[in-house]
Amino acid sequence: MKKDLIAVILAGGTGNRFWPMSTDKSLFPFFNKPLIVHSAVSHLPKEVTRVVIITNDMNNAVLSHLTFSVPSITVVQPAARGMADALLSAKTHLQNSSLLIINADDVASASYFDDVIAKGQKEGILGVVPGYRAKHYLPMGYLLTDGKAVTGIAEKPGEGNEPSPYIAMLGHYIADGNLLLEELRQTKSNEDNVYEKALSTLMKRHTFILHPFEGDFASLKYPWHVLDVLHVLLETLPNHRGKNVEIKSNVILEGNVYIEDDVRIFENTKIVGPTYIGKGTIIGNNNIVRESHIGAGCVTGFNTDITRSYVGDDCWFHTNYVGDSVVEEHVSMGSGAVLANLRLDDGTVFSTIHGELISSYSNKLGALIGKFVRIGVNTSIMPGVKIGRGTFIGSGMVIDKDIPDDSYCIQKSSYTIIRNKKTVAGVSRDEFRKKL
């Protein structure tokens, strides 16, 4: 008898490396939809007969209202104790079925899950594990391989210790979920690697094969990975003009630009796709917007440049530069404020996570800014700096280190006023004018 195929969507992690972003990773909005819609809902294979979403109390209210093409249920994991505990918390809903285990934080091309299922069912084996050949080290599991076979998973082995070039993507196909659940129940570890240990044990007894994945892939781990996810999703974006869109004279739209309803774009502006412009947003005069996401209800005032950046809803700008940055919702930047994205030596940008300096593996990374932040006029934020939710930053400053949530950052300066004994009355600049 053929087993049901259940899509198990993991959407309950703590995301403690994602600060200063306060929106849960699986709910982080792209194109006015939570990430889980792009990563799982819209790519659900036709072979799936049921969906089980494993989440936390905070996300349950939103995720329980998602609509799938098949029956679905959400299971609340009592505490964030890792992937193995998440699966065991939903054990009664997963027994006697085949499983497709999906991470709501990962995005890949549309046919990815279909290819994994097709390979597993064709080969008649216990499991298929997709592997992504990363361009640089990521803090994820790496596959141990023997030809086509996968023989184990090394969880976060550290840069230089990778057993193969393949990162263990989720989208695991398990033909017999009961075998996995029982191994998870028996496996013990003091680290957050019970799932990987259990799967590695099963790989010694049963056949698992590698599915090399060649398409675009991104996973939300650190806040700058929002830009990686955005890059993958922008490539799927069609050209679109919503209702009541007003485009003034001398505006250039190049490539795929998705414009929602009630957007206004003023004179002498250029928008280079792929770019998304959210509902009701106003793009001001003399702007340039390149390969970016701008949310709903934003205002990008005169002479603003937003390049390869993510901007959330209700953000305001005026004569600003925003380069390779992530700006969550309700952020306002005073005139002349800059989010710098390039070091003086053009070197790799690093950022501090829990006291550890982490490489972004990019020489272009701007600021990472949480919700409800205000930045004063002529203030510059240096590359890779993170600004916490609810923070106000005064004018005329250079910010080169992270600022915690709910901070008020000002720079006190003093100046002297004396009586002026010079005058410009009667001074002519006619000679200057002749040379212009």
Protein backbone atom coordinates (compact mmCIF):
# COMPACT_ATOMS: atom_id res chain seq x y z
CA MET A 1 0.00 0.00 0.00
CA LYS A 2 1.37 3.40 -1.03
CA LYS A 3 2.04 5.73 1.90
CA ASP A 4 0.80 9.28 2.17
CA LEU A 5 3.47 11.89 1.46
CA ILE A 6 3.47 14.59 4.12
CA ALA A 7 5.22 17.90 3.63
CA VAL A 8 6.68 18.78 7.04
CA ILE A 9 7.43 22.52 7.18
CA LEU A 10 9.76 23.62 9.97
CA ALA A 11 8.88 27.17 11.00
CA GLY A 12 9.64 27.47 14.70
CA GLY A 13 13.34 28.25 15.12
CA THR A 14 14.56 30.97 17.48
CA GLY A 15 16.58 32.94 14.91
CA ASN A 16 18.93 34.33 17.57
CA ARG A 17 21.54 35.15 14.88
CA PHE A 18 19.00 37.25 12.93
CA TRP A 19 19.16 40.39 15.11
CA PRO A 20 18.46 43.28 14.58
CA MET A 21 15.55 41.98 12.54
CA SER A 22 12.61 41.31 14.88
CA THR A 23 10.25 39.66 12.40
CA ASP A 24 10.51 35.86 12.54
CA LYS A 25 12.49 34.49 9.61
CA SER A 26 9.66 32.36 8.21
CA LEU A 27 7.35 35.41 8.29
CA PHE A 28 9.84 37.95 6.95
CA PRO A 29 7.94 39.70 4.13
CA PHE A 30 8.98 39.66 0.49
CA PHE A 31 6.60 41.11 -2.13
CA ASN A 32 3.90 41.53 0.57
CA LYS A 33 3.94 37.82 1.43
CA PRO A 34 5.74 36.00 4.25
CA LEU A 35 8.83 34.04 3.26
CA ILE A 36 7.11 30.70 3.94
CA VAL A 37 4.79 31.37 0.99
CA HIS A 38 7.78 31.65 -1.36
CA SER A 39 9.76 28.82 0.22
CA ALA A 40 7.02 26.21 0.67
CA VAL A 41 3.40 27.12 -0.10
CA SER A 42 3.90 28.10 -3.74
CA HIS A 43 6.21 25.13 -4.48
CA LEU A 44 4.17 22.31 -2.94
CA PRO A 45 4.59 19.19 -5.13
CA LYS A 46 1.49 17.48 -6.49
CA GLU A 47 2.48 14.20 -4.76
CA VAL A 48 1.99 15.76 -1.31
CA THR A 49 -1.27 14.64 0.34
CA ARG A 50 -1.04 16.55 3.65
CA VAL A 51 0.94 19.42 5.19
CA VAL A 52 2.16 19.61 8.80
CA ILE A 53 3.65 22.95 9.89
CA ILE A 54 5.70 22.83 13.08
CA THR A 55 5.98 26.24 14.67
CA ASN A 56 6.00 28.17 17.94
CA ASP A 57 3.29 30.01 19.89
CA MET A 58 4.28 33.37 18.43
CA ASN A 59 3.93 32.29 14.78
CA ASN A 60 0.99 29.92 15.16
CA ALA A 61 -1.70 32.57 14.78
CA VAL A 62 -0.40 33.55 11.33
CA LEU A 63 0.71 30.15 10.03
CA SER A 64 -2.50 28.36 11.03
CA HIS A 65 -4.34 30.52 8.48
CA LEU A 66 -2.16 29.61 5.50
CA THR A 67 -4.07 28.01 2.65
CA PHE A 68 -2.69 24.95 0.85
CA SER A 69 -4.03 22.83 -1.97
CA VAL A 70 -4.25 19.86 0.45
CA PRO A 71 -5.31 19.51 4.13
CA SER A 72 -2.92 21.13 6.59
CA ILE A 73 -2.39 21.42 10.34
CA THR A 74 -0.05 23.42 12.57
CA VAL A 75 1.69 21.83 15.56
CA VAL A 76 3.19 24.05 18.26
CA GLN A 77 6.59 22.94 19.52
CA PRO A 78 6.52 23.76 23.28
CA ALA A 79 10.12 25.04 23.30
CA ALA A 80 12.77 25.61 20.65
CA ARG A 81 14.85 22.47 21.22
CA GLY A 82 16.00 21.85 17.68
CA MET A 83 14.83 20.04 14.60
CA ALA A 84 14.64 16.54 16.10
CA ASP A 85 12.43 17.71 18.96
CA ALA A 86 10.25 19.56 16.46
CA LEU A 87 9.62 16.39 14.45
CA LEU A 88 8.96 14.32 17.57
CA SER A 89 6.48 16.92 18.82
CA ALA A 90 4.41 16.21 15.68
CA LYS A 91 4.95 12.44 15.81
CA THR A 92 1.26 11.47 15.90
CA HIS A 93 0.67 13.40 12.66
CA LEU A 94 3.71 11.95 10.83
CA GLN A 95 3.51 8.21 11.53
CA ASN A 96 3.00 5.63 8.76
CA SER A 97 3.82 8.15 6.03
CA SER A 98 6.59 9.26 3.72
CA LEU A 99 8.03 12.66 4.56
CA LEU A 100 9.30 15.68 2.65
CA ILE A 101 11.04 17.83 5.28
CA ILE A 102 11.12 21.52 4.34
CA ASN A 103 12.76 24.50 6.05
CA ALA A 104 10.58 27.63 5.82
CA ASP A 105 13.74 29.79 5.90
CA ASP A 106 15.22 28.37 2.67
CA VAL A 107 14.44 29.37 -0.92
CA ALA A 108 15.35 27.57 -4.11
CA SER A 109 14.03 27.19 -7.66
CA ALA A 110 10.49 25.96 -8.17
CA SER A 111 11.22 22.38 -9.37
CA TYR A 112 13.55 21.56 -6.47
CA PHE A 113 11.10 19.50 -4.35
CA ASP A 114 9.59 17.75 -7.38
CA ASP A 115 13.02 16.53 -8.48
CA VAL A 116 13.85 15.17 -5.01
CA ILE A 117 10.56 13.24 -4.74
CA ALA A 118 10.87 11.86 -8.27
CA LYS A 119 14.38 10.56 -7.56
CA GLY A 120 13.35 8.94 -4.27
CA GLN A 121 10.31 7.19 -5.70
CA LYS A 122 12.16 6.04 -8.80
CA GLU A 123 15.12 4.57 -6.88
CA GLY A 124 12.96 2.88 -4.22
CA ILE A 125 15.39 3.84 -1.43
CA LEU A 126 14.90 5.21 2.08
CA GLY A 127 16.10 8.74 1.48
CA VAL A 128 17.23 11.52 -0.84
CA VAL A 129 19.26 14.45 0.51
CA PRO A 130 19.76 17.52 -1.67
CA GLY A 131 23.24 19.03 -1.63
CA TYR A 132 24.16 22.57 -2.59
CA ARG A 133 27.72 23.37 -3.67
CA ALA A 134 28.31 26.55 -1.68
CA LYS A 135 30.63 29.31 -2.90
CA HIS A 136 31.91 29.80 0.65
CA TYR A 137 31.53 28.28 4.10
CA LEU A 138 28.12 28.48 5.77
CA PRO A 139 27.26 27.44 9.36
CA MET A 140 25.18 24.45 8.25
CA GLY A 141 25.47 20.69 7.92
CA TYR A 142 27.84 19.27 5.27
CA LEU A 143 27.33 15.93 3.54
CA LEU A 144 29.71 12.98 3.71
CA THR A 145 29.50 11.23 0.36
CA ASP A 146 30.65 8.02 -1.29
CA GLY A 147 29.90 8.38 -4.97
CA LYS A 148 26.14 8.94 -5.22
CA ALA A 149 25.56 7.72 -1.68
CA VAL A 150 25.28 10.01 1.33
CA THR A 151 26.89 8.37 4.34
CA GLY A 152 26.56 11.06 7.01
CA ILE A 153 26.12 14.71 7.92
CA ALA A 154 28.74 16.82 9.70
CA GLU A 155 26.92 19.62 11.49
CA LYS A 156 28.74 22.99 11.31
CA PRO A 157 32.21 21.43 10.87
CA GLY A 158 33.97 24.80 10.73
CA GLU A 159 35.62 26.47 7.75
CA GLY A 160 38.36 24.26 6.31
CA ASN A 161 36.92 21.06 7.81
CA GLU A 162 34.13 20.46 5.31
CA PRO A 163 33.93 16.73 4.39
CA SER A 164 32.57 17.59 0.93
CA PRO A 165 31.60 20.73 -0.98
CA TYR A 166 27.91 19.93 -0.47
CA ILE A 167 25.76 21.68 2.12
CA ALA A 168 22.88 19.55 3.38
CA MET A 169 19.86 21.47 2.17
CA LEU A 170 16.48 20.57 3.56
CA GLY A 171 13.89 19.13 1.26
CA HIS A 172 14.87 15.67 2.56
CA TYR A 173 12.73 12.86 1.20
CA ILE A 174 12.24 9.98 3.67
CA ALA A 175 10.27 7.03 2.27
CA ASP A 176 9.43 5.59 5.72
CA GLY A 177 8.86 8.28 8.35
CA ASN A 178 8.49 5.67 11.12
CA LEU A 179 12.15 4.69 10.78
CA LEU A 180 13.26 8.30 11.14
CA LEU A 181 10.98 9.03 14.10
CA GLU A 182 12.17 5.95 16.00
CA GLU A 183 15.82 6.82 15.38
CA LEU A 184 15.20 10.37 16.57
CA ARG A 185 13.62 9.03 19.75
CA GLN A 186 16.66 6.88 20.50
CA THR A 187 19.38 9.40 19.62
CA LYS A 188 20.89 11.53 22.38
CA SER A 189 23.27 14.49 22.20
CA ASN A 190 24.33 17.45 24.30
CA GLU A 191 24.45 19.58 21.16
CA ASP A 192 21.83 20.75 18.67
CA ASN A 193 22.60 17.94 16.22
CA VAL A 194 20.23 15.10 17.17
CA TYR A 195 18.56 15.12 13.75
CA GLU A 196 21.89 14.96 11.93
CA LYS A 197 23.16 12.16 14.20
CA ALA A 198 19.96 10.15 13.75
CA LEU A 199 20.03 10.55 9.98
CA SER A 200 23.71 9.61 9.88
CA THR A 201 22.91 6.40 11.79
CA LEU A 202 20.13 5.54 9.34
CA MET A 203 22.56 6.13 6.48
CA LYS A 204 24.75 3.32 7.79
CA ARG A 205 21.83 0.85 7.59
CA HIS A 206 19.86 2.12 4.60
CA THR A 207 20.54 3.73 1.24
CA PHE A 208 20.46 7.50 0.96
CA ILE A 209 21.52 9.21 -2.24
CA LEU A 210 22.69 12.71 -3.06
CA HIS A 211 20.64 15.03 -5.23
CA PRO A 212 23.13 17.70 -6.39
CA PHE A 213 21.27 20.98 -6.63
CA GLU A 214 22.50 23.35 -9.33
CA GLY A 215 20.01 26.21 -9.10
CA ASP A 216 19.85 29.34 -6.96
CA PHE A 217 19.61 28.72 -3.22
CA ALA A 218 19.65 30.94 -0.14
CA SER A 219 19.00 30.36 3.54
CA LEU A 220 18.23 32.94 6.24
CA LYS A 221 20.81 32.58 8.99
CA TYR A 222 22.32 36.03 9.49
CA PRO A 223 20.51 39.34 8.76
CA TRP A 224 22.51 40.03 5.60
CA HIS A 225 21.18 36.78 4.14
CA VAL A 226 17.96 38.72 3.51
CA LEU A 227 19.84 40.10 0.49
CA ASP A 228 20.70 36.57 -0.74
CA VAL A 229 17.06 35.48 -0.43
CA LEU A 230 15.98 38.68 -2.17
CA HIS A 231 18.36 37.98 -5.06
CA VAL A 232 16.80 34.53 -5.60
CA LEU A 233 13.24 35.84 -5.40
CA LEU A 234 13.82 38.89 -7.61
CA GLU A 235 14.90 36.60 -10.44
CA THR A 236 11.33 35.18 -10.48
CA LEU A 237 9.69 38.62 -10.62
CA PRO A 238 7.73 39.51 -13.78
CA ASN A 239 7.18 42.95 -15.23
CA HIS A 240 3.95 44.32 -13.76
CA ARG A 241 1.99 47.58 -13.48
CA GLY A 242 -0.77 47.73 -10.86
CA LYS A 243 -3.88 49.89 -10.82
CA ASN A 244 -3.73 53.68 -10.47
CA VAL A 245 0.02 53.82 -11.09
CA GLU A 246 1.22 57.33 -11.94
CA ILE A 247 4.52 57.70 -13.78
CA LYS A 248 5.67 61.26 -14.49
CA SER A 249 7.78 62.46 -17.42
CA ASN A 250 11.36 61.38 -18.11
CA VAL A 251 11.14 58.24 -15.96
CA ILE A 252 13.17 55.24 -17.18
CA LEU A 253 12.08 51.70 -16.22
CA GLU A 254 14.67 49.14 -17.28
CA GLY A 255 14.21 45.37 -16.92
CA ASN A 256 11.50 43.67 -14.86
CA VAL A 257 9.97 46.19 -12.47
CA TYR A 258 6.97 44.97 -10.45
CA ILE A 259 4.86 47.97 -9.43
CA GLU A 260 1.92 47.47 -7.07
CA ASP A 261 -1.29 49.58 -7.03
CA ASP A 262 -1.36 53.32 -6.27
CA VAL A 263 2.38 53.89 -6.77
CA ARG A 264 3.59 57.33 -7.90
CA ILE A 265 6.97 57.83 -9.60
CA PHE A 266 8.13 61.40 -10.12
CA GLU A 267 10.21 63.06 -12.83
CA ASN A 268 13.80 62.21 -13.82
CA THR A 269 13.94 58.90 -11.95
CA LYS A 270 15.45 55.64 -13.16
CA ILE A 271 14.46 52.19 -11.84
CA VAL A 272 16.55 49.19 -12.88
CA GLY A 273 15.05 45.73 -12.49
CA PRO A 274 14.56 43.29 -11.14
CA THR A 275 12.92 45.60 -8.60
CA TYR A 276 9.74 45.46 -6.52
CA ILE A 277 7.79 48.61 -5.53
CA GLY A 278 5.07 48.09 -2.91
CA LYS A 279 1.53 49.45 -2.82
CA GLY A 280 1.08 53.19 -2.30
CA THR A 281 4.80 53.98 -2.37
CA ILE A 282 6.01 57.33 -3.68
CA ILE A 283 9.31 57.42 -5.59
CA GLY A 284 10.53 61.02 -5.69
CA ASN A 285 12.32 63.15 -8.25
CA ASN A 286 15.85 62.33 -9.41
CA ASN A 287 15.90 58.92 -7.72
CA ILE A 288 17.77 55.83 -8.81
CA VAL A 289 16.55 52.44 -7.62
CA ARG A 290 18.49 49.34 -8.66
CA GLU A 291 17.72 45.65 -8.04
CA SER A 292 15.90 46.34 -4.79
CA HIS A 293 12.78 45.65 -2.74
CA ILE A 294 10.84 48.70 -1.56
CA GLY A 295 7.83 47.91 0.59
CA ALA A 296 4.37 49.46 0.78
CA GLY A 297 3.72 53.03 1.90
CA CYS A 298 7.32 54.21 1.49
CA VAL A 299 8.47 57.67 0.41
CA THR A 300 11.85 58.01 -1.28
CA GLY A 301 12.34 61.76 -1.47
CA PHE A 302 14.40 63.88 -3.83
CA ASN A 303 17.78 62.61 -5.03
CA THR A 304 17.76 59.24 -3.23
CA ASP A 305 19.79 56.21 -4.40
CA ILE A 306 18.67 52.74 -3.26
CA THR A 307 20.89 50.00 -4.65
CA ARG A 308 20.66 46.18 -4.21
CA SER A 309 18.83 46.70 -0.92
CA TYR A 310 15.81 45.44 1.00
CA VAL A 311 13.49 48.17 2.32
CA GLY A 312 10.41 47.24 4.35
CA ASP A 313 7.06 49.01 4.62
CA ASP A 314 6.52 52.64 5.66
CA CYS A 315 10.12 53.82 5.32
CA TRP A 316 11.02 57.45 4.51
CA PHE A 317 14.09 58.81 2.75
CA HIS A 318 15.30 62.18 1.45
CA THR A 319 18.60 62.71 -0.36
CA ASN A 320 20.03 59.42 0.96
CA TYR A 321 22.29 56.64 -0.24
CA VAL A 322 21.22 53.11 0.73
CA GLY A 323 23.65 50.50 -0.60
CA ASP A 324 23.44 46.73 -0.15
CA SER A 325 21.49 47.21 3.08
CA VAL A 326 18.56 45.64 4.93
CA VAL A 327 16.12 48.18 6.35
CA GLU A 328 13.15 46.75 8.22
CA GLU A 329 9.84 48.63 8.39
CA HIS A 330 9.08 52.11 9.79
CA VAL A 331 12.60 53.51 9.36
CA SER A 332 13.23 57.17 8.56
CA MET A 333 16.50 58.72 7.37
CA GLY A 334 17.19 62.45 7.56
CA SER A 335 18.54 64.35 4.56
CA GLY A 336 22.12 63.47 3.69
CA ALA A 337 22.25 60.31 5.82
CA VAL A 338 24.22 57.49 4.19
CA LEU A 339 24.37 53.70 4.58
CA ALA A 340 27.89 53.00 3.33
CA ASN A 341 28.52 49.62 1.69
CA LEU A 342 32.22 49.51 0.76
CA ARG A 343 35.39 49.56 2.87
CA LEU A 344 38.20 51.91 1.92
CA ASP A 345 40.37 48.90 1.01
CA ASP A 346 37.53 47.17 -0.92
CA GLY A 347 37.95 44.23 1.48
CA THR A 348 35.42 41.74 2.84
CA VAL A 349 32.88 43.25 5.24
CA PHE A 350 32.61 41.60 8.66
CA SER A 351 29.88 41.93 11.27
CA THR A 352 29.77 40.96 14.94
CA ILE A 353 27.34 38.20 16.02
CA HIS A 354 27.23 37.32 19.73
CA GLY A 355 30.70 38.77 20.20
CA GLU A 356 32.23 36.89 17.27
CA LEU A 357 33.41 38.63 14.11
CA ILE A 358 31.63 36.91 11.20
CA SER A 359 32.53 37.26 7.53
CA SER A 360 29.76 38.26 5.15
CA TYR A 361 31.86 36.83 2.28
CA SER A 362 31.08 40.00 0.37
CA ASN A 363 33.00 43.21 -0.18
CA LYS A 364 29.72 45.11 -0.46
CA LEU A 365 27.46 45.13 2.58
CA GLY A 366 25.73 48.15 4.06
CA ALA A 367 23.78 48.60 7.28
CA LEU A 368 21.31 46.16 8.88
CA ILE A 369 18.55 48.17 10.54
CA GLY A 370 15.64 46.99 12.70
CA LYS A 371 12.13 48.44 12.97
CA PHE A 372 11.18 51.93 14.15
CA VAL A 373 14.63 53.49 13.77
CA ARG A 374 15.23 57.20 13.14
CA ILE A 375 18.54 58.45 11.71
CA GLY A 376 19.40 62.15 11.81
CA VAL A 377 20.62 64.36 8.95
CA ASN A 378 24.12 63.86 7.59
CA THR A 379 24.82 60.76 9.67
CA SER A 380 26.86 57.95 8.10
CA ILE A 381 26.47 54.28 9.03
CA MET A 382 29.58 52.24 8.21
CA PRO A 383 29.53 48.87 6.34
CA GLY A 384 28.16 45.87 8.24
CA VAL A 385 26.89 47.87 11.22
CA LYS A 386 23.63 46.76 12.86
CA ILE A 387 21.13 49.19 14.40
CA GLY A 388 18.63 47.75 16.89
CA ARG A 389 14.86 48.19 16.89
CA GLY A 390 13.47 51.46 18.28
CA THR A 391 16.80 53.32 18.19
CA PHE A 392 17.19 57.04 17.49
CA ILE A 393 20.52 58.28 16.10
CA GLY A 394 21.34 61.98 16.09
CA SER A 395 22.69 64.12 13.26
CA GLY A 396 26.19 64.53 11.87
CA MET A 397 27.59 61.30 13.31
CA VAL A 398 29.69 58.40 12.02
CA ILE A 399 28.42 55.09 13.42
CA ASP A 400 31.03 52.32 13.16
CA LYS A 401 29.75 49.82 15.76
CA ASP A 402 26.46 48.07 16.50
CA ILE A 403 23.80 49.98 18.44
CA PRO A 404 21.49 47.97 20.79
CA ASP A 405 17.69 48.05 20.69
CA ASP A 406 15.91 51.11 22.12
CA SER A 407 19.03 53.30 22.24
CA TYR A 408 19.29 57.05 21.89
CA CYS A 409 22.64 57.82 20.27
CA ILE A 410 23.84 61.43 20.21
CA GLN A 411 27.18 63.17 19.88
CA LYS A 412 27.73 66.25 21.99
CA SER A 413 29.93 68.95 20.50
CA SER A 414 30.73 72.51 21.49
CA TYR A 415 31.49 75.62 19.50
CA THR A 416 32.50 79.21 20.26
CA ILE A 417 30.63 82.34 19.18
CA ILE A 418 32.53 85.66 18.99
CA ARG A 419 31.69 88.98 17.39
CA ASN A 420 32.36 89.10 13.62
CA LYS A 421 34.53 92.05 12.53
CA LYS A 422 34.57 91.17 8.83
CA THR A 423 31.94 91.93 6.18
CA VAL A 424 30.98 90.83 2.67
CA ALA A 425 28.83 93.86 2.04
CA GLY A 426 29.91 95.40 -1.25
CA VAL A 427 32.03 92.39 -2.27
CA SER A 428 31.39 91.39 -5.90
CA ARG A 429 31.73 87.93 -7.41
CA ASP A 430 31.42 89.09 -10.99
CA GLU A 431 34.90 87.79 -11.83
CA PHE A 432 33.95 84.34 -10.52
CA ARG A 433 30.78 84.41 -12.60
CA LYS A 434 32.68 85.15 -15.83
CA LYS A 435 34.70 81.95 -15.41
CA LEU A 436 31.70 79.69 -14.91
